[in-house]
Amino acid sequence: MSTLITILYYLMVGYFAACFIWNFRKSRNWQQEVLYLLVLLPFLLRLFRLK
């Protein structure tokens, strides 16, 4: 059961990270791009199991 929850958790983190990357690429304002990078960093760390 815990394995299923872990898999669902990483799928959810990956989905949100992909959404932030998509919005980062479509953004033209440098302030929004910096904000997307700051929000994206914890998601990438969790996805790569660094934190």
Protein backbone atom coordinates (compact mmCIF):
# COMPACT_ATOMS: atom_id res chain seq x y z
CA MET A 1 0.00 0.00 0.00
CA SER A 2 2.79 2.44 0.83
CA THR A 3 4.42 1.71 -2.53
CA LEU A 4 1.25 2.78 -4.32
CA ILE A 5 1.09 6.00 -2.32
CA THR A 6 4.75 6.71 -3.11
CA ILE A 7 4.19 6.16 -6.82
CA LEU A 8 1.12 8.41 -6.82
CA TYR A 9 3.06 11.07 -4.90
CA TYR A 10 5.89 11.11 -7.44
CA LEU A 11 3.42 11.17 -10.33
CA MET A 12 1.71 14.17 -8.76
CA VAL A 13 5.04 15.96 -8.18
CA GLY A 14 6.07 15.22 -11.76
CA TYR A 15 2.79 16.57 -13.10
CA PHE A 16 3.12 19.84 -11.18
CA ALA A 17 6.78 20.19 -12.20
CA ALA A 18 5.79 19.69 -15.86
CA CYS A 19 3.08 22.36 -15.50
CA PHE A 20 5.57 24.82 -14.02
CA ILE A 21 8.07 24.10 -16.80
CA TRP A 22 5.33 24.60 -19.41
CA ASN A 23 4.36 27.96 -17.89
CA PHE A 24 8.03 28.96 -17.62
CA ARG A 25 8.59 28.33 -21.32
CA LYS A 26 5.47 30.28 -22.33
CA SER A 27 6.21 33.25 -20.07
CA ARG A 28 7.68 36.42 -21.56
CA ASN A 29 8.07 38.40 -18.34
CA TRP A 30 11.40 37.87 -16.59
CA GLN A 31 9.85 38.36 -13.15
CA GLN A 32 7.38 35.54 -13.75
CA GLU A 33 10.19 33.33 -15.05
CA VAL A 34 12.19 33.85 -11.85
CA LEU A 35 9.08 33.09 -9.79
CA TYR A 36 8.47 29.86 -11.74
CA LEU A 37 12.07 28.79 -11.18
CA LEU A 38 11.85 29.46 -7.45
CA VAL A 39 8.63 27.46 -7.16
CA LEU A 40 9.92 24.69 -9.43
CA LEU A 41 13.12 24.04 -7.46
CA PRO A 42 11.55 22.16 -4.49
CA PHE A 43 9.46 20.05 -6.88
CA LEU A 44 12.55 19.01 -8.83
CA LEU A 45 14.44 18.22 -5.64
CA ARG A 46 11.62 15.96 -4.48
CA LEU A 47 11.27 14.36 -7.90
CA PHE A 48 14.98 13.48 -7.98
CA ARG A 49 14.80 12.37 -4.31
CA LEU A 50 17.38 14.89 -3.15
CA LYS A 51 15.20 16.20 -0.34
